[in-house]
N, C-alpha and C. Protein backbone atom coordinates (compact mmCIF):
# COMPACT_ATOMS: atom_id res chain seq x y z
N UNK A 1 -19.01 22.02 -3.46
CA UNK A 1 -19.82 21.26 -2.52
C UNK A 1 -19.57 19.77 -2.76
N UNK A 2 -19.31 19.04 -1.69
CA UNK A 2 -19.14 17.60 -1.75
C UNK A 2 -20.35 16.95 -1.09
N UNK A 3 -20.82 15.89 -1.70
CA UNK A 3 -22.01 15.22 -1.16
C UNK A 3 -21.88 13.72 -1.38
N UNK A 4 -22.69 12.98 -0.65
CA UNK A 4 -22.83 11.54 -0.91
C UNK A 4 -23.70 11.44 -2.15
N UNK A 5 -23.24 10.69 -3.14
CA UNK A 5 -23.92 10.66 -4.43
C UNK A 5 -25.12 9.73 -4.43
N UNK A 6 -24.97 8.53 -3.89
CA UNK A 6 -26.06 7.54 -4.00
C UNK A 6 -26.11 6.66 -2.75
N UNK A 7 -27.14 5.84 -2.70
CA UNK A 7 -27.30 4.92 -1.58
C UNK A 7 -28.18 5.50 -0.49
N UNK A 8 -28.12 4.87 0.67
CA UNK A 8 -29.01 5.25 1.78
C UNK A 8 -28.76 6.64 2.31
N UNK A 9 -27.55 7.15 2.16
CA UNK A 9 -27.23 8.50 2.62
C UNK A 9 -27.11 9.47 1.44
N UNK A 10 -27.59 9.06 0.27
CA UNK A 10 -27.49 9.87 -0.93
C UNK A 10 -28.00 11.28 -0.73
N UNK A 11 -27.28 12.24 -1.26
CA UNK A 11 -27.56 13.68 -1.25
C UNK A 11 -27.15 14.40 0.03
N UNK A 12 -26.65 13.68 1.03
CA UNK A 12 -26.17 14.36 2.23
C UNK A 12 -24.93 15.18 1.87
N UNK A 13 -24.93 16.43 2.28
CA UNK A 13 -23.80 17.32 2.02
C UNK A 13 -22.72 17.06 3.07
N UNK A 14 -21.47 16.98 2.61
CA UNK A 14 -20.34 16.75 3.49
C UNK A 14 -19.51 18.01 3.64
N UNK A 15 -19.01 18.22 4.83
CA UNK A 15 -18.06 19.30 5.06
C UNK A 15 -16.72 18.89 4.46
N UNK A 16 -15.95 19.87 4.04
CA UNK A 16 -14.63 19.63 3.46
C UNK A 16 -13.63 20.53 4.19
N UNK A 17 -12.49 19.99 4.61
CA UNK A 17 -11.48 20.84 5.25
C UNK A 17 -11.09 21.99 4.31
N UNK A 18 -10.84 23.16 4.89
CA UNK A 18 -10.56 24.33 4.06
C UNK A 18 -9.15 24.34 3.47
N UNK A 19 -8.27 23.53 3.96
CA UNK A 19 -6.90 23.49 3.42
C UNK A 19 -6.31 22.10 3.61
N UNK A 20 -5.37 21.75 2.74
CA UNK A 20 -4.63 20.51 2.91
C UNK A 20 -5.29 19.26 2.36
N UNK A 21 -6.49 19.39 1.80
CA UNK A 21 -7.15 18.22 1.21
C UNK A 21 -7.64 18.58 -0.18
N UNK A 22 -7.92 17.56 -0.95
CA UNK A 22 -8.40 17.72 -2.31
C UNK A 22 -9.51 16.68 -2.49
N UNK A 23 -10.76 17.08 -2.26
CA UNK A 23 -11.85 16.10 -2.36
C UNK A 23 -11.95 15.49 -3.76
N UNK A 24 -12.25 14.21 -3.82
CA UNK A 24 -12.47 13.53 -5.08
C UNK A 24 -13.74 14.09 -5.70
N UNK A 25 -13.68 14.47 -6.96
CA UNK A 25 -14.84 15.08 -7.61
C UNK A 25 -16.00 14.09 -7.70
N UNK A 26 -17.22 14.64 -7.82
CA UNK A 26 -18.41 13.79 -7.97
C UNK A 26 -18.28 12.90 -9.20
N UNK A 27 -17.74 13.43 -10.29
CA UNK A 27 -17.59 12.66 -11.54
C UNK A 27 -16.70 11.44 -11.33
N UNK A 28 -15.58 11.64 -10.65
CA UNK A 28 -14.65 10.54 -10.41
C UNK A 28 -15.28 9.53 -9.45
N UNK A 29 -15.91 10.02 -8.39
CA UNK A 29 -16.55 9.10 -7.44
C UNK A 29 -17.67 8.30 -8.09
N UNK A 30 -18.47 8.96 -8.94
CA UNK A 30 -19.56 8.25 -9.62
C UNK A 30 -19.01 7.10 -10.47
N UNK A 31 -17.96 7.36 -11.21
CA UNK A 31 -17.35 6.32 -12.04
C UNK A 31 -16.74 5.21 -11.18
N UNK A 32 -15.99 5.61 -10.16
CA UNK A 32 -15.34 4.65 -9.26
C UNK A 32 -16.36 3.74 -8.60
N UNK A 33 -17.40 4.31 -8.03
CA UNK A 33 -18.38 3.50 -7.31
C UNK A 33 -19.28 2.70 -8.25
N UNK A 34 -19.50 3.21 -9.46
CA UNK A 34 -20.22 2.41 -10.44
C UNK A 34 -19.45 1.14 -10.76
N UNK A 35 -18.12 1.27 -10.91
CA UNK A 35 -17.28 0.09 -11.19
C UNK A 35 -17.26 -0.86 -10.00
N UNK A 36 -17.16 -0.32 -8.78
CA UNK A 36 -17.14 -1.18 -7.59
C UNK A 36 -18.46 -1.92 -7.43
N UNK A 37 -19.57 -1.23 -7.66
CA UNK A 37 -20.87 -1.89 -7.55
C UNK A 37 -21.05 -2.94 -8.65
N UNK A 38 -20.59 -2.63 -9.85
CA UNK A 38 -20.67 -3.59 -10.95
C UNK A 38 -19.90 -4.87 -10.63
N UNK A 39 -18.77 -4.71 -9.92
CA UNK A 39 -17.96 -5.86 -9.52
C UNK A 39 -18.47 -6.51 -8.23
N UNK A 40 -19.58 -6.00 -7.70
CA UNK A 40 -20.16 -6.49 -6.45
C UNK A 40 -19.14 -6.49 -5.31
N UNK A 41 -18.32 -5.42 -5.27
CA UNK A 41 -17.26 -5.33 -4.27
C UNK A 41 -17.68 -4.63 -3.00
N UNK A 42 -18.83 -3.96 -2.98
CA UNK A 42 -19.18 -3.14 -1.82
C UNK A 42 -20.13 -3.81 -0.83
N UNK A 43 -21.07 -4.59 -1.30
CA UNK A 43 -22.10 -5.14 -0.42
C UNK A 43 -21.47 -5.95 0.71
N UNK A 44 -21.62 -5.47 1.95
CA UNK A 44 -21.09 -6.17 3.12
C UNK A 44 -19.59 -6.05 3.30
N UNK A 45 -18.94 -5.20 2.54
CA UNK A 45 -17.47 -5.08 2.58
C UNK A 45 -16.98 -4.32 3.80
N UNK A 46 -15.77 -4.67 4.21
CA UNK A 46 -15.02 -3.90 5.20
C UNK A 46 -14.12 -2.95 4.41
N UNK A 47 -14.33 -1.65 4.58
CA UNK A 47 -13.66 -0.63 3.78
C UNK A 47 -12.68 0.15 4.65
N UNK A 48 -11.54 0.49 4.05
CA UNK A 48 -10.54 1.31 4.70
C UNK A 48 -10.28 2.52 3.82
N UNK A 49 -10.39 3.71 4.39
CA UNK A 49 -10.16 4.96 3.67
C UNK A 49 -8.96 5.64 4.31
N UNK A 50 -7.78 5.51 3.66
CA UNK A 50 -6.55 6.10 4.16
C UNK A 50 -6.38 7.51 3.59
N UNK A 51 -5.85 8.42 4.39
CA UNK A 51 -5.74 9.84 4.01
C UNK A 51 -7.16 10.34 3.73
N UNK A 52 -8.05 10.17 4.68
CA UNK A 52 -9.49 10.35 4.46
C UNK A 52 -9.92 11.75 4.05
N UNK A 53 -9.25 12.79 4.48
CA UNK A 53 -9.65 14.15 4.11
C UNK A 53 -11.00 14.50 4.69
N UNK A 54 -12.06 14.42 3.89
CA UNK A 54 -13.43 14.65 4.36
C UNK A 54 -14.12 13.34 4.70
N UNK A 55 -13.54 12.21 4.28
CA UNK A 55 -14.16 10.91 4.49
C UNK A 55 -15.10 10.51 3.37
N UNK A 56 -15.16 11.30 2.30
CA UNK A 56 -16.16 11.07 1.25
C UNK A 56 -16.10 9.68 0.63
N UNK A 57 -14.90 9.14 0.40
CA UNK A 57 -14.81 7.82 -0.25
C UNK A 57 -15.35 6.72 0.66
N UNK A 58 -14.87 6.65 1.88
CA UNK A 58 -15.34 5.62 2.81
C UNK A 58 -16.81 5.76 3.13
N UNK A 59 -17.28 6.99 3.26
CA UNK A 59 -18.69 7.22 3.60
C UNK A 59 -19.61 6.91 2.42
N UNK A 60 -19.14 7.17 1.21
CA UNK A 60 -19.92 6.78 0.02
C UNK A 60 -20.05 5.26 -0.03
N UNK A 61 -18.98 4.55 0.32
CA UNK A 61 -19.03 3.08 0.33
C UNK A 61 -20.06 2.58 1.33
N UNK A 62 -20.11 3.18 2.51
CA UNK A 62 -21.09 2.78 3.52
C UNK A 62 -22.51 3.07 3.03
N UNK A 63 -22.69 4.23 2.42
CA UNK A 63 -24.01 4.57 1.90
C UNK A 63 -24.49 3.56 0.88
N UNK A 64 -23.54 2.96 0.14
CA UNK A 64 -23.87 2.01 -0.92
C UNK A 64 -23.81 0.55 -0.48
N UNK A 65 -23.69 0.29 0.81
CA UNK A 65 -23.84 -1.09 1.28
C UNK A 65 -22.65 -1.71 1.98
N UNK A 66 -21.55 -1.01 2.13
CA UNK A 66 -20.43 -1.58 2.89
C UNK A 66 -20.84 -1.78 4.34
N UNK A 67 -20.34 -2.83 4.96
CA UNK A 67 -20.68 -3.15 6.34
C UNK A 67 -19.94 -2.26 7.34
N UNK A 68 -18.73 -1.82 6.96
CA UNK A 68 -17.95 -0.99 7.87
C UNK A 68 -16.99 -0.12 7.08
N UNK A 69 -16.59 0.97 7.72
CA UNK A 69 -15.57 1.85 7.13
C UNK A 69 -14.70 2.36 8.25
N UNK A 70 -13.39 2.21 8.06
CA UNK A 70 -12.40 2.81 8.94
C UNK A 70 -11.78 3.96 8.17
N UNK A 71 -11.89 5.16 8.73
CA UNK A 71 -11.43 6.38 8.06
C UNK A 71 -10.22 6.90 8.83
N UNK A 72 -9.08 7.00 8.16
CA UNK A 72 -7.82 7.37 8.82
C UNK A 72 -7.37 8.73 8.33
N UNK A 73 -7.22 9.67 9.26
CA UNK A 73 -6.79 11.03 8.94
C UNK A 73 -5.93 11.57 10.07
N UNK A 74 -4.73 12.05 9.73
CA UNK A 74 -3.82 12.52 10.78
C UNK A 74 -4.05 13.97 11.17
N UNK A 75 -4.54 14.81 10.27
CA UNK A 75 -4.76 16.23 10.59
C UNK A 75 -5.90 16.36 11.60
N UNK A 76 -5.65 16.97 12.75
CA UNK A 76 -6.73 17.11 13.75
C UNK A 76 -7.95 17.86 13.21
N UNK A 77 -7.72 18.91 12.43
CA UNK A 77 -8.85 19.67 11.89
C UNK A 77 -9.65 18.84 10.90
N UNK A 78 -8.95 18.15 10.02
CA UNK A 78 -9.65 17.31 9.04
C UNK A 78 -10.35 16.15 9.74
N UNK A 79 -9.70 15.54 10.73
CA UNK A 79 -10.31 14.40 11.44
C UNK A 79 -11.60 14.83 12.13
N UNK A 80 -11.64 16.05 12.66
CA UNK A 80 -12.86 16.54 13.30
C UNK A 80 -13.99 16.66 12.27
N UNK A 81 -13.64 17.08 11.06
CA UNK A 81 -14.64 17.16 9.99
C UNK A 81 -15.09 15.77 9.58
N UNK A 82 -14.16 14.83 9.47
CA UNK A 82 -14.51 13.44 9.15
C UNK A 82 -15.48 12.90 10.19
N UNK A 83 -15.22 13.18 11.46
CA UNK A 83 -16.12 12.70 12.52
C UNK A 83 -17.52 13.27 12.36
N UNK A 84 -17.63 14.56 12.03
CA UNK A 84 -18.97 15.16 11.83
C UNK A 84 -19.66 14.55 10.61
N UNK A 85 -18.91 14.37 9.52
CA UNK A 85 -19.49 13.76 8.32
C UNK A 85 -19.92 12.32 8.61
N UNK A 86 -19.11 11.59 9.34
CA UNK A 86 -19.44 10.20 9.68
C UNK A 86 -20.72 10.13 10.50
N UNK A 87 -20.89 11.07 11.41
CA UNK A 87 -22.11 11.09 12.24
C UNK A 87 -23.35 11.31 11.37
N UNK A 88 -23.25 12.19 10.37
CA UNK A 88 -24.39 12.43 9.46
C UNK A 88 -24.75 11.17 8.69
N UNK A 89 -23.73 10.52 8.14
CA UNK A 89 -23.98 9.32 7.34
C UNK A 89 -24.49 8.19 8.23
N UNK A 90 -23.91 8.03 9.41
CA UNK A 90 -24.35 6.97 10.33
C UNK A 90 -25.82 7.13 10.68
N UNK A 91 -26.26 8.36 10.83
CA UNK A 91 -27.67 8.61 11.15
C UNK A 91 -28.57 8.13 10.01
N UNK A 92 -28.11 8.28 8.77
CA UNK A 92 -28.92 7.86 7.62
C UNK A 92 -28.92 6.35 7.41
N UNK A 93 -27.79 5.69 7.66
CA UNK A 93 -27.73 4.25 7.41
C UNK A 93 -28.12 3.43 8.64
N UNK A 94 -28.22 4.07 9.79
CA UNK A 94 -28.62 3.37 11.01
C UNK A 94 -27.59 2.37 11.47
N UNK A 95 -28.03 1.29 12.04
CA UNK A 95 -27.13 0.28 12.62
C UNK A 95 -26.60 -0.71 11.59
N UNK A 96 -26.90 -0.47 10.34
CA UNK A 96 -26.48 -1.40 9.29
C UNK A 96 -24.98 -1.36 9.01
N UNK A 97 -24.30 -0.32 9.48
CA UNK A 97 -22.87 -0.20 9.20
C UNK A 97 -22.15 0.40 10.40
N UNK A 98 -20.89 0.06 10.51
CA UNK A 98 -20.04 0.60 11.57
C UNK A 98 -19.05 1.55 10.92
N UNK A 99 -18.96 2.76 11.44
CA UNK A 99 -18.02 3.75 10.92
C UNK A 99 -17.11 4.16 12.07
N UNK A 100 -15.80 4.02 11.84
CA UNK A 100 -14.80 4.40 12.84
C UNK A 100 -13.85 5.41 12.24
N UNK A 101 -13.57 6.48 12.99
CA UNK A 101 -12.62 7.49 12.55
C UNK A 101 -11.37 7.36 13.43
N UNK A 102 -10.22 7.31 12.78
CA UNK A 102 -8.94 7.16 13.48
C UNK A 102 -8.10 8.39 13.22
N UNK A 103 -7.78 9.13 14.29
CA UNK A 103 -6.88 10.29 14.19
C UNK A 103 -5.46 9.76 14.31
N UNK A 104 -4.86 9.47 13.16
CA UNK A 104 -3.57 8.80 13.17
C UNK A 104 -2.87 8.97 11.83
N UNK A 105 -1.54 9.01 11.85
CA UNK A 105 -0.83 8.89 10.56
C UNK A 105 -1.09 7.50 9.99
N UNK A 106 -1.08 7.41 8.68
CA UNK A 106 -1.37 6.14 8.01
C UNK A 106 -0.40 5.05 8.46
N UNK A 107 0.89 5.36 8.51
CA UNK A 107 1.87 4.33 8.87
C UNK A 107 1.65 3.81 10.29
N UNK A 108 1.28 4.68 11.21
CA UNK A 108 1.01 4.24 12.58
C UNK A 108 -0.24 3.36 12.63
N UNK A 109 -1.28 3.75 11.90
CA UNK A 109 -2.50 2.95 11.87
C UNK A 109 -2.22 1.57 11.31
N UNK A 110 -1.50 1.52 10.20
CA UNK A 110 -1.22 0.23 9.55
C UNK A 110 -0.23 -0.61 10.33
N UNK A 111 0.52 0.00 11.25
CA UNK A 111 1.46 -0.75 12.07
C UNK A 111 0.79 -1.66 13.07
N UNK A 112 -0.48 -1.39 13.40
CA UNK A 112 -1.24 -2.23 14.32
C UNK A 112 -1.97 -3.32 13.55
N UNK A 113 -2.39 -4.35 14.25
CA UNK A 113 -3.14 -5.45 13.62
C UNK A 113 -4.55 -4.95 13.30
N UNK A 114 -4.88 -4.84 12.05
CA UNK A 114 -6.19 -4.36 11.59
C UNK A 114 -6.70 -5.26 10.48
N UNK A 115 -8.00 -5.14 10.23
CA UNK A 115 -8.55 -5.83 9.08
C UNK A 115 -9.22 -7.14 9.44
N UNK A 116 -9.47 -7.96 8.46
CA UNK A 116 -9.11 -7.80 7.06
C UNK A 116 -10.06 -6.85 6.34
N UNK A 117 -9.49 -6.08 5.39
CA UNK A 117 -10.25 -5.12 4.61
C UNK A 117 -10.45 -5.66 3.20
N UNK A 118 -11.65 -5.44 2.67
CA UNK A 118 -12.01 -5.90 1.33
C UNK A 118 -11.76 -4.85 0.26
N UNK A 119 -11.97 -3.58 0.62
CA UNK A 119 -11.78 -2.46 -0.30
C UNK A 119 -11.00 -1.38 0.44
N UNK A 120 -9.94 -0.87 -0.20
CA UNK A 120 -9.11 0.16 0.42
C UNK A 120 -8.94 1.31 -0.56
N UNK A 121 -9.15 2.53 -0.05
CA UNK A 121 -8.91 3.74 -0.82
C UNK A 121 -7.68 4.44 -0.25
N UNK A 122 -6.75 4.79 -1.12
CA UNK A 122 -5.61 5.62 -0.73
C UNK A 122 -5.67 6.86 -1.59
N UNK A 123 -5.99 7.98 -0.98
CA UNK A 123 -6.08 9.25 -1.69
C UNK A 123 -5.18 10.25 -0.96
N UNK A 124 -3.86 10.02 -1.04
CA UNK A 124 -2.93 10.87 -0.30
C UNK A 124 -2.80 12.25 -0.94
N UNK A 125 -2.24 13.19 -0.19
CA UNK A 125 -1.93 14.49 -0.82
C UNK A 125 -1.07 14.26 -2.05
N UNK A 126 -1.30 15.04 -3.09
CA UNK A 126 -0.55 14.85 -4.33
C UNK A 126 0.95 15.00 -4.11
N UNK A 127 1.36 15.78 -3.10
CA UNK A 127 2.80 15.97 -2.88
C UNK A 127 3.42 14.86 -2.03
N UNK A 128 2.67 13.83 -1.68
CA UNK A 128 3.24 12.71 -0.93
C UNK A 128 4.30 12.03 -1.78
N UNK A 129 5.45 11.80 -1.21
CA UNK A 129 6.56 11.14 -1.88
C UNK A 129 6.15 9.74 -2.33
N UNK A 130 6.58 9.35 -3.53
CA UNK A 130 6.25 8.03 -4.05
C UNK A 130 6.75 6.91 -3.14
N UNK A 131 7.91 7.12 -2.52
CA UNK A 131 8.45 6.13 -1.58
C UNK A 131 7.53 5.93 -0.39
N UNK A 132 6.94 7.02 0.11
CA UNK A 132 6.00 6.90 1.24
C UNK A 132 4.75 6.14 0.83
N UNK A 133 4.29 6.38 -0.40
CA UNK A 133 3.11 5.67 -0.89
C UNK A 133 3.40 4.17 -1.01
N UNK A 134 4.55 3.84 -1.56
CA UNK A 134 4.95 2.43 -1.70
C UNK A 134 5.06 1.78 -0.32
N UNK A 135 5.62 2.51 0.65
CA UNK A 135 5.75 2.00 2.02
C UNK A 135 4.36 1.74 2.62
N UNK A 136 3.42 2.67 2.41
CA UNK A 136 2.06 2.49 2.92
C UNK A 136 1.41 1.25 2.30
N UNK A 137 1.61 1.05 1.00
CA UNK A 137 1.04 -0.13 0.34
C UNK A 137 1.63 -1.42 0.92
N UNK A 138 2.93 -1.41 1.19
CA UNK A 138 3.57 -2.60 1.78
C UNK A 138 3.05 -2.85 3.19
N UNK A 139 2.88 -1.79 3.99
CA UNK A 139 2.35 -1.94 5.35
C UNK A 139 0.90 -2.44 5.33
N UNK A 140 0.19 -2.11 4.28
CA UNK A 140 -1.22 -2.48 4.15
C UNK A 140 -1.43 -3.98 3.93
N UNK A 141 -0.50 -4.63 3.27
CA UNK A 141 -0.66 -6.04 2.87
C UNK A 141 -1.20 -6.98 3.95
N UNK A 142 -0.65 -6.98 5.18
CA UNK A 142 -1.16 -7.92 6.18
C UNK A 142 -2.61 -7.66 6.60
N UNK A 143 -3.13 -6.48 6.27
CA UNK A 143 -4.49 -6.13 6.66
C UNK A 143 -5.53 -6.38 5.58
N UNK A 144 -5.12 -7.01 4.48
CA UNK A 144 -6.02 -7.19 3.35
C UNK A 144 -6.64 -8.58 3.33
N UNK A 145 -7.92 -8.61 2.97
CA UNK A 145 -8.62 -9.88 2.77
C UNK A 145 -8.17 -10.49 1.44
N UNK A 146 -8.28 -11.80 1.29
CA UNK A 146 -7.97 -12.40 -0.01
C UNK A 146 -8.81 -11.75 -1.11
N UNK A 147 -8.18 -11.40 -2.22
CA UNK A 147 -8.90 -10.78 -3.33
C UNK A 147 -9.27 -9.33 -3.12
N UNK A 148 -8.75 -8.68 -2.09
CA UNK A 148 -9.10 -7.28 -1.80
C UNK A 148 -8.78 -6.38 -2.98
N UNK A 149 -9.56 -5.30 -3.09
CA UNK A 149 -9.37 -4.28 -4.11
C UNK A 149 -8.80 -3.04 -3.46
N UNK A 150 -7.74 -2.49 -4.06
CA UNK A 150 -7.09 -1.29 -3.55
C UNK A 150 -7.13 -0.26 -4.67
N UNK A 151 -7.59 0.95 -4.34
CA UNK A 151 -7.65 2.02 -5.33
C UNK A 151 -6.80 3.18 -4.83
N UNK A 152 -5.84 3.58 -5.66
CA UNK A 152 -4.96 4.70 -5.34
C UNK A 152 -5.35 5.87 -6.24
N UNK A 153 -5.60 7.02 -5.65
CA UNK A 153 -5.91 8.23 -6.40
C UNK A 153 -4.73 9.19 -6.31
N UNK A 154 -4.28 9.66 -7.45
CA UNK A 154 -3.14 10.58 -7.53
C UNK A 154 -3.38 11.57 -8.66
N UNK A 155 -2.49 12.52 -8.78
CA UNK A 155 -2.51 13.43 -9.93
C UNK A 155 -2.22 12.62 -11.18
N UNK A 156 -2.86 12.97 -12.29
CA UNK A 156 -2.66 12.24 -13.54
C UNK A 156 -1.20 12.28 -13.98
N UNK A 157 -0.46 13.30 -13.59
CA UNK A 157 0.95 13.42 -13.97
C UNK A 157 1.86 12.57 -13.09
N UNK A 158 1.34 11.99 -12.03
CA UNK A 158 2.14 11.15 -11.13
C UNK A 158 2.50 9.84 -11.82
N UNK A 159 3.64 9.27 -11.43
CA UNK A 159 3.96 7.95 -11.99
C UNK A 159 3.02 6.88 -11.42
N UNK A 160 2.92 5.79 -12.14
CA UNK A 160 2.13 4.65 -11.67
C UNK A 160 2.70 4.20 -10.33
N UNK A 161 1.85 4.05 -9.29
CA UNK A 161 2.37 3.60 -7.99
C UNK A 161 3.02 2.21 -8.10
N UNK A 162 4.12 2.04 -7.42
CA UNK A 162 4.79 0.74 -7.41
C UNK A 162 3.97 -0.24 -6.58
N UNK A 163 3.69 -1.39 -7.13
CA UNK A 163 2.94 -2.42 -6.42
C UNK A 163 3.93 -3.33 -5.71
N UNK A 164 3.91 -3.38 -4.38
CA UNK A 164 4.81 -4.29 -3.68
C UNK A 164 4.43 -5.74 -3.94
N UNK A 165 5.33 -6.66 -3.65
CA UNK A 165 5.01 -8.09 -3.78
C UNK A 165 3.74 -8.36 -2.99
N UNK A 166 2.82 -9.06 -3.61
CA UNK A 166 1.54 -9.36 -2.98
C UNK A 166 0.40 -8.55 -3.57
N UNK A 167 0.73 -7.51 -4.35
CA UNK A 167 -0.29 -6.72 -5.03
C UNK A 167 0.04 -6.68 -6.51
N UNK A 168 -1.02 -6.62 -7.33
CA UNK A 168 -0.84 -6.48 -8.77
C UNK A 168 -1.76 -5.39 -9.30
N UNK A 169 -1.28 -4.66 -10.30
CA UNK A 169 -2.11 -3.66 -10.97
C UNK A 169 -3.14 -4.37 -11.84
N UNK A 170 -4.38 -3.89 -11.80
CA UNK A 170 -5.41 -4.51 -12.63
C UNK A 170 -6.05 -3.53 -13.61
N UNK A 171 -5.99 -2.24 -13.31
CA UNK A 171 -6.52 -1.26 -14.25
C UNK A 171 -6.14 0.14 -13.81
N UNK A 172 -6.26 1.07 -14.72
CA UNK A 172 -6.07 2.47 -14.38
C UNK A 172 -6.97 3.31 -15.27
N UNK A 173 -7.29 4.49 -14.79
CA UNK A 173 -8.20 5.38 -15.52
C UNK A 173 -7.85 6.81 -15.16
N UNK A 174 -7.81 7.68 -16.17
CA UNK A 174 -7.55 9.10 -15.94
C UNK A 174 -8.82 9.90 -16.18
N UNK A 175 -9.02 10.88 -15.32
CA UNK A 175 -10.16 11.80 -15.40
C UNK A 175 -9.58 13.20 -15.31
N UNK A 176 -9.22 13.79 -16.42
CA UNK A 176 -8.61 15.12 -16.39
C UNK A 176 -7.31 15.09 -15.60
N UNK A 177 -7.26 15.83 -14.49
CA UNK A 177 -6.05 15.92 -13.66
C UNK A 177 -5.93 14.78 -12.65
N UNK A 178 -6.90 13.90 -12.60
CA UNK A 178 -6.93 12.82 -11.60
C UNK A 178 -6.74 11.46 -12.27
N UNK A 179 -6.01 10.60 -11.59
CA UNK A 179 -5.84 9.22 -12.06
C UNK A 179 -6.18 8.25 -10.95
N UNK A 180 -6.82 7.15 -11.30
CA UNK A 180 -7.10 6.07 -10.37
C UNK A 180 -6.34 4.84 -10.83
N UNK A 181 -5.60 4.24 -9.91
CA UNK A 181 -4.91 2.97 -10.16
C UNK A 181 -5.55 1.92 -9.29
N UNK A 182 -5.98 0.83 -9.88
CA UNK A 182 -6.62 -0.27 -9.19
C UNK A 182 -5.59 -1.38 -9.00
N UNK A 183 -5.55 -1.93 -7.81
CA UNK A 183 -4.69 -3.06 -7.51
C UNK A 183 -5.53 -4.13 -6.83
N UNK A 184 -5.00 -5.34 -6.86
CA UNK A 184 -5.68 -6.46 -6.22
C UNK A 184 -4.63 -7.31 -5.53
N UNK A 185 -5.06 -7.98 -4.46
CA UNK A 185 -4.20 -8.92 -3.77
C UNK A 185 -3.97 -10.11 -4.68
N UNK A 186 -2.73 -10.49 -4.83
CA UNK A 186 -2.41 -11.68 -5.63
C UNK A 186 -2.63 -12.91 -4.77
N UNK A 187 -2.70 -14.04 -5.41
CA UNK A 187 -2.87 -15.30 -4.67
C UNK A 187 -1.71 -15.50 -3.71
N UNK A 188 -2.05 -15.87 -2.48
CA UNK A 188 -1.01 -16.05 -1.45
C UNK A 188 -0.72 -17.51 -1.26
């Protein structure tokens, strides 16, 4: 069972696609969002959740005070679930946040003028090629706000994602089979 852990939509149960996604565990999300809140990165933030799956990361951010969340998912079945989950969370947070679901491949979404985003989650399928991930990070750069935080979630056995020019690694953390890599926009 996946749920919103805390905030205005706390305890709402989220649907999860039955195949092709790997929801971030409650333990990992609790740690991730504790760190983001400690850094005061969420309040009023514009959030982007790429490879959204169920939308849990972007929706948790909205529940905890983000001003907006754009959730990008290319699978039609998963995107339909993201839309239902977004509707549940939107009902709890009211007009305080804007939630948009985009049925699109990540590269197509990032190819358009979007942003600026303050916090970005990339939780691609574990079998996504490292080159595709690096390409997505490079495409993301023009859509980032100064000082934006980017979090990449991968299998712990995956190599450290390559940071394109304009991004720098700031921390990483492993949780069993899951690893989080934090990046930040460098001074432009």
